[in-house]
């Protein structure tokens, strides 16, 4: 399996659940909780899916993919993975970020001389 095919499967969305919360739902129909792993490695969220046993059923048409996949997401500083759950063919990953700092700071604007150097405050 090529790297491109591994990285292109398991379609997903990213949405806000609150001011600090995010949710990533991935479409993982045909995968059970035992076929999936969710790990944080350094500053990356890694989601891996691999069927533990091959389905022995005979299909006339098989349009729901059950191939191995891996999805990787870079996590910004302060983002934590807080939960993972499956529901109706989706794997939901919940993330929590730090509360935005509401501090306001004013930056003083300095006047420059015609030569381009800063004016001395002495």
PDB file of N, CA and C in Angstrom:
ATOM      1  N   UNK A   1       0.844  -1.173   0.000  1.00  0.00           N
ATOM      2  CA  UNK A   1       0.000   0.000   0.000  1.00  0.00           C
ATOM      3  C   UNK A   1       0.892   1.239   0.000  1.00  0.00           C
ATOM      4  N   UNK A   2       0.564   2.177  -0.851  1.00  0.00           N
ATOM      5  CA  UNK A   2       1.379   3.391  -0.942  1.00  0.00           C
ATOM      6  C   UNK A   2       1.029   4.357   0.176  1.00  0.00           C
ATOM      7  N   UNK A   3       1.973   5.241   0.456  1.00  0.00           N
ATOM      8  CA  UNK A   3       1.744   6.236   1.500  1.00  0.00           C
ATOM      9  C   UNK A   3       0.562   7.132   1.140  1.00  0.00           C
ATOM     10  N   UNK A   4       0.396   7.464  -0.133  1.00  0.00           N
ATOM     11  CA  UNK A   4      -0.712   8.325  -0.559  1.00  0.00           C
ATOM     12  C   UNK A   4      -2.051   7.678  -0.249  1.00  0.00           C
ATOM     13  N   UNK A   5      -2.174   6.354  -0.479  1.00  0.00           N
ATOM     14  CA  UNK A   5      -3.454   5.705  -0.211  1.00  0.00           C
ATOM     15  C   UNK A   5      -3.714   5.590   1.282  1.00  0.00           C
ATOM     16  N   UNK A   6      -2.676   5.442   2.092  1.00  0.00           N
ATOM     17  CA  UNK A   6      -2.854   5.403   3.540  1.00  0.00           C
ATOM     18  C   UNK A   6      -3.333   6.764   4.035  1.00  0.00           C
ATOM     19  N   UNK A   7      -2.754   7.863   3.537  1.00  0.00           N
ATOM     20  CA  UNK A   7      -3.078   9.195   4.024  1.00  0.00           C
ATOM     21  C   UNK A   7      -4.351   9.783   3.432  1.00  0.00           C
ATOM     22  N   UNK A   8      -4.910   9.173   2.382  1.00  0.00           N
ATOM     23  CA  UNK A   8      -6.096   9.754   1.759  1.00  0.00           C
ATOM     24  C   UNK A   8      -7.392   9.154   2.289  1.00  0.00           C
ATOM     25  N   UNK A   9      -7.312   8.104   3.074  1.00  0.00           N
ATOM     26  CA  UNK A   9      -8.529   7.457   3.554  1.00  0.00           C
ATOM     27  C   UNK A   9      -8.829   7.839   4.992  1.00  0.00           C
ATOM     28  N   UNK A  10     -10.030   7.575   5.320  1.00  0.00           N
ATOM     29  CA  UNK A  10     -10.710   7.959   6.553  1.00  0.00           C
ATOM     30  C   UNK A  10     -11.036   9.441   6.446  1.00  0.00           C
ATOM     31  N   UNK A  11     -12.072   9.761   5.663  1.00  0.00           N
ATOM     32  CA  UNK A  11     -12.490  11.154   5.551  1.00  0.00           C
ATOM     33  C   UNK A  11     -12.868  11.705   6.922  1.00  0.00           C
ATOM     34  N   UNK A  12     -12.650  12.993   7.105  1.00  0.00           N
ATOM     35  CA  UNK A  12     -12.877  13.601   8.412  1.00  0.00           C
ATOM     36  C   UNK A  12     -13.346  15.042   8.272  1.00  0.00           C
ATOM     37  N   UNK A  13     -13.875  15.560   9.350  1.00  0.00           N
ATOM     38  CA  UNK A  13     -14.229  16.973   9.499  1.00  0.00           C
ATOM     39  C   UNK A  13     -13.544  17.472  10.762  1.00  0.00           C
ATOM     40  N   UNK A  14     -13.436  18.780  10.899  1.00  0.00           N
ATOM     41  CA  UNK A  14     -12.957  19.386  12.136  1.00  0.00           C
ATOM     42  C   UNK A  14     -13.932  20.500  12.477  1.00  0.00           C
ATOM     43  N   UNK A  15     -14.471  20.448  13.675  1.00  0.00           N
ATOM     44  CA  UNK A  15     -15.442  21.464  14.073  1.00  0.00           C
ATOM     45  C   UNK A  15     -15.233  21.919  15.505  1.00  0.00           C
ATOM     46  N   UNK A  16     -15.744  23.104  15.804  1.00  0.00           N
ATOM     47  CA  UNK A  16     -15.680  23.636  17.162  1.00  0.00           C
ATOM     48  C   UNK A  16     -16.866  23.120  17.950  1.00  0.00           C
ATOM     49  N   UNK A  17     -16.622  22.747  19.201  1.00  0.00           N
ATOM     50  CA  UNK A  17     -17.688  22.327  20.099  1.00  0.00           C
ATOM     51  C   UNK A  17     -17.923  23.357  21.196  1.00  0.00           C
ATOM     52  N   UNK A  18     -16.931  24.203  21.432  1.00  0.00           N
ATOM     53  CA  UNK A  18     -17.028  25.277  22.416  1.00  0.00           C
ATOM     54  C   UNK A  18     -15.904  26.265  22.110  1.00  0.00           C
ATOM     55  N   UNK A  19     -15.765  27.277  22.965  1.00  0.00           N
ATOM     56  CA  UNK A  19     -14.695  28.268  22.760  1.00  0.00           C
ATOM     57  C   UNK A  19     -13.315  27.615  22.739  1.00  0.00           C
ATOM     58  N   UNK A  20     -13.119  26.598  23.578  1.00  0.00           N
ATOM     59  CA  UNK A  20     -11.818  25.920  23.660  1.00  0.00           C
ATOM     60  C   UNK A  20     -11.845  24.508  23.084  1.00  0.00           C
ATOM     61  N   UNK A  21     -13.018  24.009  22.688  1.00  0.00           N
ATOM     62  CA  UNK A  21     -13.131  22.616  22.278  1.00  0.00           C
ATOM     63  C   UNK A  21     -13.236  22.404  20.780  1.00  0.00           C
ATOM     64  N   UNK A  22     -12.641  21.307  20.321  1.00  0.00           N
ATOM     65  CA  UNK A  22     -12.703  20.883  18.922  1.00  0.00           C
ATOM     66  C   UNK A  22     -13.124  19.425  18.879  1.00  0.00           C
ATOM     67  N   UNK A  23     -13.728  19.018  17.768  1.00  0.00           N
ATOM     68  CA  UNK A  23     -14.067  17.614  17.558  1.00  0.00           C
ATOM     69  C   UNK A  23     -13.697  17.238  16.135  1.00  0.00           C
ATOM     70  N   UNK A  24     -13.042  16.093  16.012  1.00  0.00           N
ATOM     71  CA  UNK A  24     -12.688  15.533  14.703  1.00  0.00           C
ATOM     72  C   UNK A  24     -13.465  14.227  14.547  1.00  0.00           C
ATOM     73  N   UNK A  25     -14.520  14.213  13.730  1.00  0.00           N
ATOM     74  CA  UNK A  25     -15.179  12.946  13.420  1.00  0.00           C
ATOM     75  C   UNK A  25     -14.552  12.340  12.158  1.00  0.00           C
ATOM     76  N   UNK A  26     -14.180  11.071  12.236  1.00  0.00           N
ATOM     77  CA  UNK A  26     -13.636  10.339  11.089  1.00  0.00           C
ATOM     78  C   UNK A  26     -14.620   9.242  10.711  1.00  0.00           C
ATOM     79  N   UNK A  27     -14.833   9.048   9.411  1.00  0.00           N
ATOM     80  CA  UNK A  27     -15.709   7.992   8.912  1.00  0.00           C
ATOM     81  C   UNK A  27     -14.942   6.673   8.945  1.00  0.00           C
ATOM     82  N   UNK A  28     -15.357   5.772   9.836  1.00  0.00           N
ATOM     83  CA  UNK A  28     -14.656   4.499  10.013  1.00  0.00           C
ATOM     84  C   UNK A  28     -15.623   3.316   9.992  1.00  0.00           C
ATOM     85  N   UNK A  29     -16.604   3.377   9.085  1.00  0.00           N
ATOM     86  CA  UNK A  29     -17.536   2.254   8.960  1.00  0.00           C
ATOM     87  C   UNK A  29     -16.727   0.991   8.685  1.00  0.00           C
ATOM     88  N   UNK A  30     -17.182  -0.132   9.202  1.00  0.00           N
ATOM     89  CA  UNK A  30     -16.530  -1.435   9.058  1.00  0.00           C
ATOM     90  C   UNK A  30     -15.393  -1.654  10.059  1.00  0.00           C
ATOM     91  N   UNK A  31     -15.054  -0.663  10.863  1.00  0.00           N
ATOM     92  CA  UNK A  31     -14.005  -0.821  11.881  1.00  0.00           C
ATOM     93  C   UNK A  31     -14.647  -0.839  13.267  1.00  0.00           C
ATOM     94  N   UNK A  32     -14.211  -1.766  14.106  1.00  0.00           N
ATOM     95  CA  UNK A  32     -14.681  -1.792  15.493  1.00  0.00           C
ATOM     96  C   UNK A  32     -13.670  -1.035  16.357  1.00  0.00           C
ATOM     97  N   UNK A  33     -14.012  -0.830  17.628  1.00  0.00           N
ATOM     98  CA  UNK A  33     -13.093  -0.160  18.543  1.00  0.00           C
ATOM     99  C   UNK A  33     -11.756  -0.899  18.625  1.00  0.00           C
ATOM    100  N   UNK A  34     -11.789  -2.237  18.513  1.00  0.00           N
ATOM    101  CA  UNK A  34     -10.566  -3.042  18.591  1.00  0.00           C
ATOM    102  C   UNK A  34      -9.692  -2.893  17.350  1.00  0.00           C
ATOM    103  N   UNK A  35     -10.273  -2.421  16.238  1.00  0.00           N
ATOM    104  CA  UNK A  35      -9.517  -2.239  14.992  1.00  0.00           C
ATOM    105  C   UNK A  35      -8.865  -0.860  14.912  1.00  0.00           C
ATOM    106  N   UNK A  36      -9.138   0.012  15.874  1.00  0.00           N
ATOM    107  CA  UNK A  36      -8.675   1.399  15.825  1.00  0.00           C
ATOM    108  C   UNK A  36      -7.725   1.698  16.975  1.00  0.00           C
ATOM    109  N   UNK A  37      -6.773   2.587  16.721  1.00  0.00           N
ATOM    110  CA  UNK A  37      -5.927   3.090  17.803  1.00  0.00           C
ATOM    111  C   UNK A  37      -5.777   4.593  17.644  1.00  0.00           C
ATOM    112  N   UNK A  38      -5.771   5.279  18.785  1.00  0.00           N
ATOM    113  CA  UNK A  38      -5.610   6.727  18.829  1.00  0.00           C
ATOM    114  C   UNK A  38      -4.443   6.994  19.770  1.00  0.00           C
ATOM    115  N   UNK A  39      -3.392   7.637  19.244  1.00  0.00           N
ATOM    116  CA  UNK A  39      -2.186   7.906  20.028  1.00  0.00           C
ATOM    117  C   UNK A  39      -1.765   9.355  19.851  1.00  0.00           C
ATOM    118  N   UNK A  40      -1.089   9.881  20.856  1.00  0.00           N
ATOM    119  CA  UNK A  40      -0.425  11.171  20.740  1.00  0.00           C
ATOM    120  C   UNK A  40       1.064  10.877  20.801  1.00  0.00           C
ATOM    121  N   UNK A  41       1.772  11.235  19.734  1.00  0.00           N
ATOM    122  CA  UNK A  41       3.219  11.039  19.638  1.00  0.00           C
ATOM    123  C   UNK A  41       3.857  12.405  19.456  1.00  0.00           C
ATOM    124  N   UNK A  42       4.644  12.797  20.470  1.00  0.00           N
ATOM    125  CA  UNK A  42       5.230  14.143  20.468  1.00  0.00           C
ATOM    126  C   UNK A  42       4.093  15.154  20.344  1.00  0.00           C
ATOM    127  N   UNK A  43       4.029  15.915  19.288  1.00  0.00           N
ATOM    128  CA  UNK A  43       2.957  16.903  19.125  1.00  0.00           C
ATOM    129  C   UNK A  43       2.052  16.521  17.957  1.00  0.00           C
ATOM    130  N   UNK A  44       1.840  15.213  17.763  1.00  0.00           N
ATOM    131  CA  UNK A  44       0.983  14.744  16.679  1.00  0.00           C
ATOM    132  C   UNK A  44      -0.062  13.766  17.198  1.00  0.00           C
ATOM    133  N   UNK A  45      -1.270  13.917  16.680  1.00  0.00           N
ATOM    134  CA  UNK A  45      -2.345  12.958  16.924  1.00  0.00           C
ATOM    135  C   UNK A  45      -2.288  11.946  15.789  1.00  0.00           C
ATOM    136  N   UNK A  46      -2.162  10.661  16.128  1.00  0.00           N
ATOM    137  CA  UNK A  46      -2.058   9.602  15.116  1.00  0.00           C
ATOM    138  C   UNK A  46      -3.220   8.639  15.313  1.00  0.00           C
ATOM    139  N   UNK A  47      -4.033   8.486  14.263  1.00  0.00           N
ATOM    140  CA  UNK A  47      -5.174   7.581  14.283  1.00  0.00           C
ATOM    141  C   UNK A  47      -4.901   6.492  13.256  1.00  0.00           C
ATOM    142  N   UNK A  48      -4.953   5.249  13.709  1.00  0.00           N
ATOM    143  CA  UNK A  48      -4.612   4.118  12.851  1.00  0.00           C
ATOM    144  C   UNK A  48      -5.777   3.128  12.869  1.00  0.00           C
ATOM    145  N   UNK A  49      -6.121   2.611  11.702  1.00  0.00           N
ATOM    146  CA  UNK A  49      -7.165   1.605  11.588  1.00  0.00           C
ATOM    147  C   UNK A  49      -6.686   0.421  10.786  1.00  0.00           C
ATOM    148  N   UNK A  50      -6.889  -0.766  11.333  1.00  0.00           N
ATOM    149  CA  UNK A  50      -6.508  -1.992  10.635  1.00  0.00           C
ATOM    150  C   UNK A  50      -7.436  -3.095  11.102  1.00  0.00           C
ATOM    151  N   UNK A  51      -8.096  -3.743  10.127  1.00  0.00           N
ATOM    152  CA  UNK A  51      -9.011  -4.831  10.459  1.00  0.00           C
ATOM    153  C   UNK A  51      -8.223  -5.974  11.078  1.00  0.00           C
ATOM    154  N   UNK A  52      -8.714  -6.490  12.206  1.00  0.00           N
ATOM    155  CA  UNK A  52      -8.017  -7.567  12.899  1.00  0.00           C
ATOM    156  C   UNK A  52      -8.212  -8.912  12.200  1.00  0.00           C
ATOM    157  N   UNK A  53      -9.340  -9.080  11.521  1.00  0.00           N
ATOM    158  CA  UNK A  53      -9.560 -10.322  10.778  1.00  0.00           C
ATOM    159  C   UNK A  53     -10.273  -9.994   9.478  1.00  0.00           C
ATOM    160  N   UNK A  54      -9.971 -10.732   8.458  1.00  0.00           N
ATOM    161  CA  UNK A  54     -10.586 -10.503   7.156  1.00  0.00           C
ATOM    162  C   UNK A  54     -12.026 -10.999   7.174  1.00  0.00           C
ATOM    163  N   UNK A  55     -12.916 -10.209   6.635  1.00  0.00           N
ATOM    164  CA  UNK A  55     -14.325 -10.558   6.541  1.00  0.00           C
ATOM    165  C   UNK A  55     -14.484 -11.723   5.565  1.00  0.00           C
ATOM    166  N   UNK A  56     -15.123 -12.785   6.009  1.00  0.00           N
ATOM    167  CA  UNK A  56     -15.282 -13.986   5.193  1.00  0.00           C
ATOM    168  C   UNK A  56     -16.570 -13.975   4.360  1.00  0.00           C
ATOM    169  N   UNK A  57     -17.359 -12.901   4.476  1.00  0.00           N
ATOM    170  CA  UNK A  57     -18.605 -12.843   3.700  1.00  0.00           C
ATOM    171  C   UNK A  57     -18.328 -12.610   2.221  1.00  0.00           C
ATOM    172  N   UNK A  58     -19.230 -13.104   1.381  1.00  0.00           N
ATOM    173  CA  UNK A  58     -19.142 -12.887  -0.051  1.00  0.00           C
ATOM    174  C   UNK A  58     -19.990 -11.672  -0.403  1.00  0.00           C
ATOM    175  N   UNK A  59     -19.410 -10.705  -1.093  1.00  0.00           N
ATOM    176  CA  UNK A  59     -20.108  -9.476  -1.466  1.00  0.00           C
ATOM    177  C   UNK A  59     -20.350  -9.455  -2.966  1.00  0.00           C
ATOM    178  N   UNK A  60     -21.533  -9.034  -3.382  1.00  0.00           N
ATOM    179  CA  UNK A  60     -21.790  -8.769  -4.791  1.00  0.00           C
ATOM    180  C   UNK A  60     -21.200  -7.419  -5.173  1.00  0.00           C
ATOM    181  N   UNK A  61     -21.209  -6.503  -4.225  1.00  0.00           N
ATOM    182  CA  UNK A  61     -20.563  -5.191  -4.398  1.00  0.00           C
ATOM    183  C   UNK A  61     -20.032  -4.766  -3.040  1.00  0.00           C
ATOM    184  N   UNK A  62     -18.801  -4.283  -3.014  1.00  0.00           N
ATOM    185  CA  UNK A  62     -18.229  -3.813  -1.756  1.00  0.00           C
ATOM    186  C   UNK A  62     -17.797  -2.365  -1.937  1.00  0.00           C
ATOM    187  N   UNK A  63     -18.659  -1.447  -1.541  1.00  0.00           N
ATOM    188  CA  UNK A  63     -18.390  -0.027  -1.696  1.00  0.00           C
ATOM    189  C   UNK A  63     -17.920   0.652  -0.422  1.00  0.00           C
ATOM    190  N   UNK A  64     -18.035  -0.029   0.711  1.00  0.00           N
ATOM    191  CA  UNK A  64     -17.560   0.525   1.980  1.00  0.00           C
ATOM    192  C   UNK A  64     -16.160  -0.003   2.209  1.00  0.00           C
ATOM    193  N   UNK A  65     -15.198   0.898   2.182  1.00  0.00           N
ATOM    194  CA  UNK A  65     -13.803   0.493   2.317  1.00  0.00           C
ATOM    195  C   UNK A  65     -13.508   0.023   3.732  1.00  0.00           C
ATOM    196  N   UNK A  66     -12.673  -0.986   3.831  1.00  0.00           N
ATOM    197  CA  UNK A  66     -12.221  -1.479   5.134  1.00  0.00           C
ATOM    198  C   UNK A  66     -10.710  -1.646   5.100  1.00  0.00           C
ATOM    199  N   UNK A  67     -10.050  -0.826   4.296  1.00  0.00           N
ATOM    200  CA  UNK A  67      -8.601  -0.942   4.170  1.00  0.00           C
ATOM    201  C   UNK A  67      -7.902  -0.234   5.326  1.00  0.00           C
ATOM    202  N   UNK A  68      -6.681  -0.632   5.545  1.00  0.00           N
ATOM    203  CA  UNK A  68      -5.854  -0.027   6.587  1.00  0.00           C
ATOM    204  C   UNK A  68      -5.663   1.460   6.301  1.00  0.00           C
ATOM    205  N   UNK A  69      -5.629   2.267   7.354  1.00  0.00           N
ATOM    206  CA  UNK A  69      -5.392   3.693   7.163  1.00  0.00           C
ATOM    207  C   UNK A  69      -4.640   4.264   8.356  1.00  0.00           C
ATOM    208  N   UNK A  70      -4.068   5.421   8.119  1.00  0.00           N
ATOM    209  CA  UNK A  70      -3.452   6.198   9.189  1.00  0.00           C
ATOM    210  C   UNK A  70      -3.666   7.670   8.883  1.00  0.00           C
ATOM    211  N   UNK A  71      -4.172   8.403   9.851  1.00  0.00           N
ATOM    212  CA  UNK A  71      -4.360   9.851   9.746  1.00  0.00           C
ATOM    213  C   UNK A  71      -3.514  10.500  10.827  1.00  0.00           C
ATOM    214  N   UNK A  72      -2.801  11.540  10.453  1.00  0.00           N
ATOM    215  CA  UNK A  72      -1.946  12.255  11.395  1.00  0.00           C
ATOM    216  C   UNK A  72      -2.321  13.727  11.377  1.00  0.00           C
ATOM    217  N   UNK A  73      -2.463  14.306  12.564  1.00  0.00           N
ATOM    218  CA  UNK A  73      -2.778  15.718  12.720  1.00  0.00           C
ATOM    219  C   UNK A  73      -1.727  16.361  13.621  1.00  0.00           C
ATOM    220  N   UNK A  74      -1.167  17.478  13.193  1.00  0.00           N
ATOM    221  CA  UNK A  74      -0.228  18.227  14.028  1.00  0.00           C
ATOM    222  C   UNK A  74      -1.045  18.974  15.083  1.00  0.00           C
ATOM    223  N   UNK A  75      -0.628  18.848  16.330  1.00  0.00           N
ATOM    224  CA  UNK A  75      -1.323  19.516  17.431  1.00  0.00           C
ATOM    225  C   UNK A  75      -0.594  20.801  17.797  1.00  0.00           C
ATOM    226  N   UNK A  76      -1.315  21.897  17.840  1.00  0.00           N
ATOM    227  CA  UNK A  76      -0.729  23.175  18.246  1.00  0.00           C
ATOM    228  C   UNK A  76      -0.391  23.114  19.738  1.00  0.00           C
ATOM    229  N   UNK A  77       0.487  23.989  20.167  1.00  0.00           N
ATOM    230  CA  UNK A  77       0.892  24.030  21.570  1.00  0.00           C
ATOM    231  C   UNK A  77      -0.329  24.218  22.461  1.00  0.00           C
ATOM    232  N   UNK A  78      -0.432  23.422  23.498  1.00  0.00           N
ATOM    233  CA  UNK A  78      -1.524  23.540  24.455  1.00  0.00           C
ATOM    234  C   UNK A  78      -2.756  22.733  24.123  1.00  0.00           C
ATOM    235  N   UNK A  79      -2.837  22.124  22.950  1.00  0.00           N
ATOM    236  CA  UNK A  79      -4.000  21.310  22.570  1.00  0.00           C
ATOM    237  C   UNK A  79      -3.828  19.914  23.166  1.00  0.00           C
ATOM    238  N   UNK A  80      -4.877  19.422  23.823  1.00  0.00           N
ATOM    239  CA  UNK A  80      -4.846  18.088  24.417  1.00  0.00           C
ATOM    240  C   UNK A  80      -5.990  17.246  23.878  1.00  0.00           C
ATOM    241  N   UNK A  81      -5.721  15.962  23.673  1.00  0.00           N
ATOM    242  CA  UNK A  81      -6.767  15.018  23.283  1.00  0.00           C
ATOM    243  C   UNK A  81      -7.426  14.559  24.576  1.00  0.00           C
ATOM    244  N   UNK A  82      -8.739  14.762  24.681  1.00  0.00           N
ATOM    245  CA  UNK A  82      -9.431  14.449  25.933  1.00  0.00           C
ATOM    246  C   UNK A  82     -10.334  13.231  25.851  1.00  0.00           C
ATOM    247  N   UNK A  83     -10.759  12.821  24.650  1.00  0.00           N
ATOM    248  CA  UNK A  83     -11.650  11.665  24.538  1.00  0.00           C
ATOM    249  C   UNK A  83     -11.677  11.151  23.112  1.00  0.00           C
ATOM    250  N   UNK A  84     -12.043   9.869  22.993  1.00  0.00           N
ATOM    251  CA  UNK A  84     -12.270   9.235  21.686  1.00  0.00           C
ATOM    252  C   UNK A  84     -13.405   8.241  21.865  1.00  0.00           C
ATOM    253  N   UNK A  85     -14.379   8.277  20.943  1.00  0.00           N
ATOM    254  CA  UNK A  85     -15.493   7.344  21.021  1.00  0.00           C
ATOM    255  C   UNK A  85     -16.026   7.057  19.630  1.00  0.00           C
ATOM    256  N   UNK A  86     -16.626   5.873  19.477  1.00  0.00           N
ATOM    257  CA  UNK A  86     -17.251   5.527  18.205  1.00  0.00           C
ATOM    258  C   UNK A  86     -18.758   5.621  18.351  1.00  0.00           C
ATOM    259  N   UNK A  87     -19.410   6.015  17.249  1.00  0.00           N
ATOM    260  CA  UNK A  87     -20.857   6.143  17.233  1.00  0.00           C
ATOM    261  C   UNK A  87     -21.332   6.127  15.785  1.00  0.00           C
ATOM    262  N   UNK A  88     -22.149   5.142  15.439  1.00  0.00           N
ATOM    263  CA  UNK A  88     -22.758   5.055  14.105  1.00  0.00           C
ATOM    264  C   UNK A  88     -21.748   5.168  12.968  1.00  0.00           C
ATOM    265  N   UNK A  89     -20.650   4.452  13.039  1.00  0.00           N
ATOM    266  CA  UNK A  89     -19.669   4.439  11.952  1.00  0.00           C
ATOM    267  C   UNK A  89     -18.707   5.607  11.956  1.00  0.00           C
ATOM    268  N   UNK A  90     -18.745   6.434  13.007  1.00  0.00           N
ATOM    269  CA  UNK A  90     -17.822   7.558  13.122  1.00  0.00           C
ATOM    270  C   UNK A  90     -16.956   7.388  14.364  1.00  0.00           C
ATOM    271  N   UNK A  91     -15.707   7.780  14.255  1.00  0.00           N
ATOM    272  CA  UNK A  91     -14.811   7.866  15.405  1.00  0.00           C
ATOM    273  C   UNK A  91     -14.691   9.344  15.735  1.00  0.00           C
ATOM    274  N   UNK A  92     -15.131   9.728  16.935  1.00  0.00           N
ATOM    275  CA  UNK A  92     -15.076  11.127  17.361  1.00  0.00           C
ATOM    276  C   UNK A  92     -13.872  11.328  18.269  1.00  0.00           C
ATOM    277  N   UNK A  93     -13.002  12.275  17.913  1.00  0.00           N
ATOM    278  CA  UNK A  93     -11.855  12.645  18.741  1.00  0.00           C
ATOM    279  C   UNK A  93     -12.129  14.044  19.284  1.00  0.00           C
ATOM    280  N   UNK A  94     -12.159  14.182  20.598  1.00  0.00           N
ATOM    281  CA  UNK A  94     -12.385  15.481  21.226  1.00  0.00           C
ATOM    282  C   UNK A  94     -11.070  16.063  21.713  1.00  0.00           C
ATOM    283  N   UNK A  95     -10.868  17.336  21.381  1.00  0.00           N
ATOM    284  CA  UNK A  95      -9.653  18.049  21.763  1.00  0.00           C
ATOM    285  C   UNK A  95     -10.024  19.277  22.578  1.00  0.00           C
ATOM    286  N   UNK A  96      -9.121  19.675  23.444  1.00  0.00           N
ATOM    287  CA  UNK A  96      -9.337  20.852  24.279  1.00  0.00           C
ATOM    288  C   UNK A  96      -8.098  21.732  24.207  1.00  0.00           C
ATOM    289  N   UNK A  97      -8.321  23.004  23.978  1.00  0.00           N
ATOM    290  CA  UNK A  97      -7.222  23.956  23.914  1.00  0.00           C
ATOM    291  C   UNK A  97      -7.237  24.878  25.104  1.00  0.00           C
ATOM    292  N   UNK A  98      -6.185  25.621  25.282  1.00  0.00           N
ATOM    293  CA  UNK A  98      -6.166  26.580  26.384  1.00  0.00           C
ATOM    294  C   UNK A  98      -7.136  27.722  26.117  1.00  0.00           C
ATOM    295  N   UNK A  99      -7.671  28.271  27.171  1.00  0.00           N
ATOM    296  CA  UNK A  99      -8.584  29.423  27.033  1.00  0.00           C
ATOM    297  C   UNK A  99      -7.784  30.595  26.474  1.00  0.00           C
ATOM    298  N   UNK A 100      -8.318  31.272  25.450  1.00  0.00           N
ATOM    299  CA  UNK A 100      -7.595  32.409  24.882  1.00  0.00           C
ATOM    300  C   UNK A 100      -7.350  33.487  25.941  1.00  0.00           C
ATOM    301  N   UNK A 101      -6.159  34.052  25.922  1.00  0.00           N
ATOM    302  CA  UNK A 101      -5.786  35.097  26.868  1.00  0.00           C
ATOM    303  C   UNK A 101      -6.465  36.398  26.442  1.00  0.00           C
ATOM    304  N   UNK A 102      -7.310  36.951  27.311  1.00  0.00           N
ATOM    305  CA  UNK A 102      -8.062  38.162  26.980  1.00  0.00           C
ATOM    306  C   UNK A 102      -7.298  39.431  27.352  1.00  0.00           C
ATOM    307  N   UNK A 103      -6.036  39.288  27.671  1.00  0.00           N
ATOM    308  CA  UNK A 103      -5.229  40.425  28.072  1.00  0.00           C
ATOM    309  C   UNK A 103      -5.043  41.387  26.905  1.00  0.00           C
ATOM    310  N   UNK A 104      -5.178  42.676  27.154  1.00  0.00           N
ATOM    311  CA  UNK A 104      -4.983  43.694  26.121  1.00  0.00           C
ATOM    312  C   UNK A 104      -3.719  44.456  26.453  1.00  0.00           C
ATOM    313  N   UNK A 105      -2.884  44.631  25.452  1.00  0.00           N
ATOM    314  CA  UNK A 105      -1.618  45.326  25.641  1.00  0.00           C
ATOM    315  C   UNK A 105      -1.473  46.361  24.541  1.00  0.00           C
ATOM    316  N   UNK A 106      -1.115  47.600  24.916  1.00  0.00           N
ATOM    317  CA  UNK A 106      -0.912  48.674  23.948  1.00  0.00           C
ATOM    318  C   UNK A 106       0.569  48.798  23.656  1.00  0.00           C
ATOM    319  N   UNK A 107       0.897  48.899  22.381  1.00  0.00           N
ATOM    320  CA  UNK A 107       2.285  49.032  21.942  1.00  0.00           C
ATOM    321  C   UNK A 107       2.547  50.495  21.620  1.00  0.00           C
ATOM    322  N   UNK A 108       3.583  51.065  22.239  1.00  0.00           N
ATOM    323  CA  UNK A 108       3.936  52.458  22.004  1.00  0.00           C
ATOM    324  C   UNK A 108       4.586  52.583  20.630  1.00  0.00           C
ATOM    325  N   UNK A 109       4.166  53.596  19.879  1.00  0.00           N
ATOM    326  CA  UNK A 109       4.728  53.850  18.549  1.00  0.00           C
ATOM    327  C   UNK A 109       5.796  54.921  18.698  1.00  0.00           C
ATOM    328  N   UNK A 110       7.010  54.577  18.246  1.00  0.00           N
ATOM    329  CA  UNK A 110       8.113  55.536  18.329  1.00  0.00           C
ATOM    330  C   UNK A 110       8.204  56.355  17.063  1.00  0.00           C
ATOM    331  N   UNK A 111       8.629  57.589  17.214  1.00  0.00           N
ATOM    332  CA  UNK A 111       8.834  58.471  16.077  1.00  0.00           C
ATOM    333  C   UNK A 111      10.278  58.312  15.620  1.00  0.00           C
ATOM    334  N   UNK A 112      10.491  58.269  14.309  1.00  0.00           N
ATOM    335  CA  UNK A 112      11.851  58.130  13.789  1.00  0.00           C
ATOM    336  C   UNK A 112      12.324  59.452  13.205  1.00  0.00           C
ATOM    337  N   UNK A 113      13.667  59.660  13.233  1.00  0.00           N
ATOM    338  CA  UNK A 113      14.271  60.825  12.599  1.00  0.00           C
ATOM    339  C   UNK A 113      14.253  60.632  11.090  1.00  0.00           C
ATOM    340  N   UNK A 114      14.546  61.697  10.359  1.00  0.00           N
ATOM    341  CA  UNK A 114      14.574  61.606   8.895  1.00  0.00           C
ATOM    342  C   UNK A 114      15.631  60.628   8.420  1.00  0.00           C
ATOM    343  N   UNK A 115      16.711  60.457   9.202  1.00  0.00           N
ATOM    344  CA  UNK A 115      17.780  59.538   8.820  1.00  0.00           C
ATOM    345  C   UNK A 115      17.397  58.064   9.078  1.00  0.00           C
ATOM    346  N   UNK A 116      16.265  57.830   9.702  1.00  0.00           N
ATOM    347  CA  UNK A 116      15.820  56.459   9.922  1.00  0.00           C
ATOM    348  C   UNK A 116      16.134  55.933  11.314  1.00  0.00           C
ATOM    349  N   UNK A 117      16.868  56.666  12.156  1.00  0.00           N
ATOM    350  CA  UNK A 117      17.177  56.198  13.505  1.00  0.00           C
ATOM    351  C   UNK A 117      16.094  56.603  14.466  1.00  0.00           C
ATOM    352  N   UNK A 118      15.936  55.864  15.592  1.00  0.00           N
ATOM    353  CA  UNK A 118      14.892  56.203  16.567  1.00  0.00           C
ATOM    354  C   UNK A 118      15.238  57.484  17.316  1.00  0.00           C
ATOM    355  N   UNK A 119      14.238  58.216  17.725  1.00  0.00           N
ATOM    356  CA  UNK A 119      14.411  59.434  18.510  1.00  0.00           C
ATOM    357  C   UNK A 119      14.752  59.032  19.940  1.00  0.00           C
ATOM    358  N   UNK A 120      15.727  59.694  20.515  1.00  0.00           N
ATOM    359  CA  UNK A 120      16.107  59.414  21.896  1.00  0.00           C
ATOM    360  C   UNK A 120      15.074  59.994  22.845  1.00  0.00           C
ATOM    361  N   UNK A 121      14.767  59.254  23.892  1.00  0.00           N
ATOM    362  CA  UNK A 121      13.810  59.723  24.889  1.00  0.00           C
ATOM    363  C   UNK A 121      14.487  60.532  25.984  1.00  0.00           C
ATOM    364  N   UNK A 122      15.763  60.897  25.820  1.00  0.00           N
ATOM    365  CA  UNK A 122      16.489  61.657  26.860  1.00  0.00           C
ATOM    366  C   UNK A 122      16.191  63.104  26.793  1.00  0.00           C
TER     367      UNK A 122
END
